[in-house]
Amino acid sequence: MEAERLSSHDRGATRAAVPAALDGRRLRFLSYNIQTGILSARYGHYVLHSWKHLLPFRNRWANLDRIGKSLAGFDVVGLQELDSGSLRTGFINQAKYLAEQANFPFWHYQTTRRLGKLAQHSNGLLARIAPHELTDYKLPGLRGRGALLARFGTREEPLALFIIHLSLGRRARLKQMDFISERVQEYRHAVVMGDLNCGPDSREMKLLLQRTHLLMPSQDLSTFPSWRPRRDIDHILVSASLRVERTYVPEWLYSDHLPVAMDVLIPASVHLAG
């Protein structure tokens, strides 16, 4: 698949002064499907609140403010199901909004499905360290799925972060995992995070782990649905070169998913900004 290479100032990427306090060795990662700021507390809300996926409503921003406040304790955040500015969000880019709420100096978004003025489905990155390069990939399968790649550190030995949101169908996910595995193999130090829509024992997850040097540090971290989590479909996977200190699921009831978080020690050979 053809990749689109971006500079830090294209399509929502913003760079500002990076706090000097970040030591560059220990990073706190978080992956979160925010459902465009829609709070769900039971399955019936998918029907009763379906209009919120297309139209603006006041409580969306109060909920996003709570999300932004919670994100403030992390260094690198991958977001799925955000909107990059359409009618339903009052044409406000949610990646930018959350970056401002949580005081992230760098933000970027990847729009994966455009529904005119009604909706702009996107993945997002918030970071306290500036990546040296960004690449947007269109994933195989039906239109609307993408992977965002951010490379941190130097070009000689980068830390590669993939933020992905995979399809609902297994056949498409297998093709998408095959595509992702080829990209991951290019990097010694990699982190893959996102809503993968499949569990640790699935065929597609086994394909990814068998074809790459990625590890799944923790299993049985159920994230969906948020009000009664039974499915382990949101993940953070890391290369064997990275040391994981902790993996956990914050109990944030701001979406139909719970986030997954991980504290990681980065090798000294990876020279991060800040």
Protein backbone atom coordinates (compact mmCIF):
# COMPACT_ATOMS: atom_id res chain seq x y z
CA MET A 1 0.00 0.00 0.00
CA GLU A 2 1.23 3.50 -0.74
CA ALA A 3 2.14 5.61 2.28
CA GLU A 4 1.68 9.33 2.59
CA ARG A 5 4.71 11.02 4.20
CA LEU A 6 3.98 14.12 6.23
CA SER A 7 5.94 16.96 7.73
CA SER A 8 5.18 18.11 11.27
CA HIS A 9 3.01 20.95 9.94
CA ASP A 10 0.75 18.96 7.61
CA ARG A 11 -2.78 17.71 8.29
CA GLY A 12 -2.98 18.61 11.95
CA ALA A 13 0.61 18.13 13.05
CA THR A 14 1.72 20.86 15.45
CA ARG A 15 5.10 21.37 17.10
CA ALA A 16 5.89 23.54 20.10
CA ALA A 17 8.48 23.76 22.86
CA VAL A 18 9.04 20.36 24.52
CA PRO A 19 9.28 20.28 28.34
CA ALA A 20 12.88 19.75 29.42
CA ALA A 21 11.75 17.67 32.40
CA LEU A 22 11.13 14.57 30.28
CA ASP A 23 14.18 12.34 30.75
CA GLY A 24 13.62 10.47 27.48
CA ARG A 25 14.10 7.02 29.02
CA ARG A 26 10.80 6.15 30.67
CA LEU A 27 7.63 6.79 28.71
CA ARG A 28 4.00 6.38 29.71
CA PHE A 29 1.91 5.19 26.75
CA LEU A 30 -1.87 5.13 26.49
CA SER A 31 -4.22 3.91 23.76
CA TYR A 32 -7.86 4.96 23.82
CA ASN A 33 -10.89 4.59 21.54
CA ILE A 34 -12.85 7.69 22.57
CA GLN A 35 -15.98 7.18 20.40
CA THR A 36 -15.78 10.90 19.44
CA GLY A 37 -16.54 11.83 23.03
CA ILE A 38 -19.80 9.89 23.32
CA LEU A 39 -20.33 8.37 26.75
CA SER A 40 -22.03 4.94 26.65
CA ALA A 41 -23.23 3.05 29.71
CA ARG A 42 -25.21 0.17 28.19
CA TYR A 43 -25.81 -1.52 24.86
CA GLY A 44 -29.12 0.31 24.41
CA HIS A 45 -27.21 3.57 24.09
CA TYR A 46 -25.96 2.47 20.67
CA VAL A 47 -29.56 2.88 19.48
CA LEU A 48 -30.74 5.72 21.73
CA HIS A 49 -27.59 7.79 21.15
CA SER A 50 -27.00 6.90 17.51
CA TRP A 51 -27.83 10.46 16.43
CA LYS A 52 -24.81 11.70 18.40
CA HIS A 53 -22.53 10.15 15.79
CA LEU A 54 -23.82 12.68 13.24
CA LEU A 55 -25.05 15.71 15.17
CA PRO A 56 -23.51 18.01 17.81
CA PHE A 57 -24.58 17.84 21.45
CA ARG A 58 -23.48 19.89 24.45
CA ASN A 59 -22.33 17.07 26.75
CA ARG A 60 -19.72 15.89 24.24
CA TRP A 61 -17.37 18.69 25.28
CA ALA A 62 -17.84 18.14 29.00
CA ASN A 63 -16.93 14.50 28.43
CA LEU A 64 -13.91 15.45 26.29
CA ASP A 65 -12.77 17.80 29.06
CA ARG A 66 -12.78 14.85 31.45
CA ILE A 67 -10.79 12.79 28.93
CA GLY A 68 -8.30 15.62 28.47
CA LYS A 69 -7.76 15.97 32.20
CA SER A 70 -7.12 12.23 32.47
CA LEU A 71 -4.63 12.21 29.57
CA ALA A 72 -2.40 14.78 31.26
CA GLY A 73 -0.35 12.15 33.11
CA PHE A 74 0.88 10.38 29.95
CA ASP A 75 3.75 11.02 27.54
CA VAL A 76 2.47 9.44 24.32
CA VAL A 77 -1.23 8.89 23.55
CA GLY A 78 -2.78 7.06 20.59
CA LEU A 79 -6.45 7.85 19.94
CA GLN A 80 -9.00 6.05 17.81
CA GLU A 81 -12.51 7.13 16.77
CA LEU A 82 -11.89 10.83 17.09
CA ASP A 83 -13.22 13.45 14.69
CA SER A 84 -10.90 15.88 12.92
CA GLY A 85 -13.52 18.60 12.49
CA SER A 86 -17.05 18.22 11.12
CA LEU A 87 -20.66 19.18 11.81
CA ARG A 88 -21.01 16.80 14.76
CA THR A 89 -18.06 18.44 16.55
CA GLY A 90 -18.84 22.02 15.59
CA PHE A 91 -15.93 21.75 13.12
CA ILE A 92 -13.45 21.49 15.98
CA ASN A 93 -10.54 19.07 15.57
CA GLN A 94 -10.69 16.76 18.59
CA ALA A 95 -6.96 15.90 18.46
CA LYS A 96 -6.12 19.59 18.75
CA TYR A 97 -8.76 20.12 21.43
CA LEU A 98 -7.50 17.27 23.63
CA ALA A 99 -3.88 18.31 23.13
CA GLU A 100 -4.74 21.76 24.43
CA GLN A 101 -6.76 20.39 27.35
CA ALA A 102 -3.91 18.06 28.44
CA ASN A 103 -1.09 20.49 27.53
CA PHE A 104 0.55 18.26 24.91
CA PRO A 105 3.06 20.24 22.82
CA PHE A 106 2.66 17.97 19.78
CA TRP A 107 -0.46 16.59 18.12
CA HIS A 108 -1.28 14.97 14.81
CA TYR A 109 -4.30 13.32 13.21
CA GLN A 110 -4.93 10.92 10.35
CA THR A 111 -8.36 11.09 8.73
CA THR A 112 -9.35 7.60 7.59
CA ARG A 113 -12.95 8.12 6.44
CA ARG A 114 -14.54 11.35 5.25
CA LEU A 115 -18.33 11.74 5.23
CA GLY A 116 -18.41 15.26 3.87
CA LYS A 117 -19.36 17.83 6.49
CA LEU A 118 -21.09 15.22 8.65
CA ALA A 119 -18.10 13.28 10.03
CA GLN A 120 -14.32 12.99 9.72
CA HIS A 121 -13.28 9.64 11.25
CA SER A 122 -9.66 9.81 12.42
CA ASN A 123 -6.80 8.36 14.42
CA GLY A 124 -4.75 10.71 16.56
CA LEU A 125 -1.40 11.16 18.28
CA LEU A 126 -0.63 13.35 21.30
CA ALA A 127 2.98 13.48 22.47
CA ARG A 128 5.34 15.32 24.79
CA ILE A 129 8.28 14.48 22.54
CA ALA A 130 8.38 15.48 18.88
CA PRO A 131 8.63 12.72 16.26
CA HIS A 132 11.18 13.30 13.53
CA GLU A 133 8.90 11.78 10.88
CA LEU A 134 5.25 10.83 10.38
CA THR A 135 3.67 8.47 7.86
CA ASP A 136 -0.01 7.76 7.23
CA TYR A 137 -0.92 4.35 5.79
CA LYS A 138 -4.19 3.22 4.27
CA LEU A 139 -4.83 -0.32 5.43
CA PRO A 140 -6.04 -3.12 3.13
CA GLY A 141 -9.73 -3.94 3.04
CA LEU A 142 -12.74 -1.66 2.81
CA ARG A 143 -12.09 2.08 2.88
CA GLY A 144 -11.87 3.78 6.23
CA ARG A 145 -9.08 2.01 8.13
CA GLY A 146 -5.60 3.40 8.59
CA ALA A 147 -2.36 3.20 10.52
CA LEU A 148 -0.43 6.20 11.78
CA LEU A 149 3.34 5.74 12.13
CA ALA A 150 5.42 8.15 14.22
CA ARG A 151 9.20 7.79 14.44
CA PHE A 152 10.91 9.25 17.50
CA GLY A 153 14.63 9.71 18.14
CA THR A 154 17.21 9.57 15.37
CA ARG A 155 16.86 8.14 11.88
CA GLU A 156 19.68 5.70 12.64
CA GLU A 157 17.90 4.09 15.63
CA PRO A 158 14.33 5.29 15.97
CA LEU A 159 11.46 4.27 18.20
CA ALA A 160 8.58 3.45 15.84
CA LEU A 161 5.04 3.92 17.12
CA PHE A 162 2.09 2.50 15.17
CA ILE A 163 -1.43 3.68 16.05
CA ILE A 164 -4.04 1.49 14.36
CA HIS A 165 -7.77 0.78 14.31
CA LEU A 166 -8.57 -2.49 12.57
CA SER A 167 -11.73 -3.64 10.83
CA LEU A 168 -14.63 -5.53 12.38
CA GLY A 169 -14.32 -8.45 9.94
CA ARG A 170 -11.68 -11.16 10.45
CA ARG A 171 -10.78 -11.49 6.76
CA ALA A 172 -9.94 -7.79 6.56
CA ARG A 173 -8.06 -7.88 9.87
CA LEU A 174 -5.84 -10.73 8.66
CA LYS A 175 -4.85 -8.67 5.60
CA GLN A 176 -4.29 -5.63 7.80
CA MET A 177 -2.15 -7.57 10.30
CA ASP A 178 -0.07 -8.91 7.43
CA PHE A 179 0.49 -5.35 6.22
CA ILE A 180 1.36 -4.08 9.71
CA SER A 181 3.77 -6.97 10.35
CA GLU A 182 5.77 -6.04 7.24
CA ARG A 183 6.11 -2.45 8.43
CA VAL A 184 7.02 -3.42 12.02
CA GLN A 185 9.83 -5.69 10.82
CA GLU A 186 11.68 -2.62 9.58
CA TYR A 187 12.33 -1.41 13.14
CA ARG A 188 14.29 -2.79 16.07
CA HIS A 189 12.28 -0.74 18.60
CA ALA A 190 8.54 -0.66 17.95
CA VAL A 191 5.28 -0.06 19.80
CA VAL A 192 1.94 -1.04 18.26
CA MET A 193 -1.21 0.26 19.93
CA GLY A 194 -4.85 0.63 19.15
CA ASP A 195 -8.29 -0.89 18.88
CA LEU A 196 -7.45 -4.14 17.10
CA ASN A 197 -10.98 -5.60 17.37
CA CYS A 198 -9.52 -9.02 18.22
CA GLY A 199 -8.24 -10.84 21.30
CA PRO A 200 -4.84 -12.29 22.24
CA ASP A 201 -5.75 -15.79 21.04
CA SER A 202 -7.16 -14.74 17.66
CA ARG A 203 -5.68 -15.88 14.35
CA GLU A 204 -4.86 -12.31 13.39
CA MET A 205 -3.02 -11.58 16.64
CA LYS A 206 -1.04 -14.80 16.34
CA LEU A 207 -0.09 -13.81 12.79
CA LEU A 208 1.27 -10.47 14.00
CA LEU A 209 3.25 -11.99 16.87
CA GLN A 210 4.68 -14.82 14.74
CA ARG A 211 5.89 -12.53 11.97
CA THR A 212 7.42 -9.82 14.16
CA HIS A 213 9.53 -9.41 17.28
CA LEU A 214 6.56 -7.93 19.13
CA LEU A 215 5.52 -9.19 22.54
CA MET A 216 2.21 -8.94 24.36
CA PRO A 217 3.31 -8.12 27.93
CA SER A 218 -0.11 -8.67 29.50
CA GLN A 219 -3.25 -10.54 28.58
CA ASP A 220 -6.73 -10.62 30.10
CA LEU A 221 -6.95 -6.82 30.15
CA SER A 222 -10.58 -6.49 29.10
CA THR A 223 -11.56 -3.08 27.74
CA PHE A 224 -14.92 -3.55 26.01
CA PRO A 225 -17.65 -2.66 26.71
CA SER A 226 -16.51 -0.09 29.25
CA TRP A 227 -19.50 -0.57 31.58
CA ARG A 228 -18.94 -4.34 31.79
CA PRO A 229 -15.60 -5.17 30.14
CA ARG A 230 -15.49 -8.71 28.79
CA ARG A 231 -13.44 -8.43 25.60
CA ASP A 232 -9.70 -7.87 25.34
CA ILE A 233 -9.56 -5.96 22.04
CA ASP A 234 -7.51 -2.83 22.85
CA HIS A 235 -3.80 -3.53 23.00
CA ILE A 236 -0.28 -2.18 23.35
CA LEU A 237 2.45 -4.48 22.01
CA VAL A 238 6.18 -3.78 22.20
CA SER A 239 9.47 -5.06 20.81
CA ALA A 240 11.61 -7.33 22.95
CA SER A 241 14.17 -4.49 23.12
CA LEU A 242 11.79 -2.43 25.28
CA ARG A 243 11.34 -3.11 28.98
CA VAL A 244 7.77 -2.95 30.23
CA GLU A 245 7.35 -1.85 33.84
CA ARG A 246 3.55 -1.95 34.03
CA THR A 247 0.48 -2.55 31.88
CA TYR A 248 -2.99 -1.66 33.13
CA VAL A 249 -6.50 -0.54 32.22
CA PRO A 250 -7.61 2.82 33.68
CA GLU A 251 -11.26 2.75 34.66
CA TRP A 252 -12.36 5.78 32.67
CA LEU A 253 -16.05 5.57 31.81
CA TYR A 254 -15.95 8.23 29.07
CA SER A 255 -16.45 5.99 26.02
CA ASP A 256 -17.71 2.53 25.10
CA HIS A 257 -14.07 1.37 25.45
CA LEU A 258 -11.68 1.54 28.37
CA PRO A 259 -8.14 2.67 27.59
CA VAL A 260 -5.04 0.52 27.99
CA ALA A 261 -1.84 2.00 29.46
CA MET A 262 1.80 0.93 29.65
CA ASP A 263 4.95 2.28 31.31
CA VAL A 264 8.02 1.47 29.19
CA LEU A 265 11.77 1.92 29.59
CA ILE A 266 13.40 2.97 26.30
CA PRO A 267 17.01 1.87 25.58
CA ALA A 268 19.65 4.57 26.06
CA SER A 269 20.68 4.11 22.42
CA VAL A 270 17.39 5.72 21.34
CA HIS A 271 17.98 9.45 21.69
CA LEU A 272 14.59 11.02 22.29
CA ALA A 273 13.98 14.76 22.11
CA GLY A 274 13.40 16.70 25.29
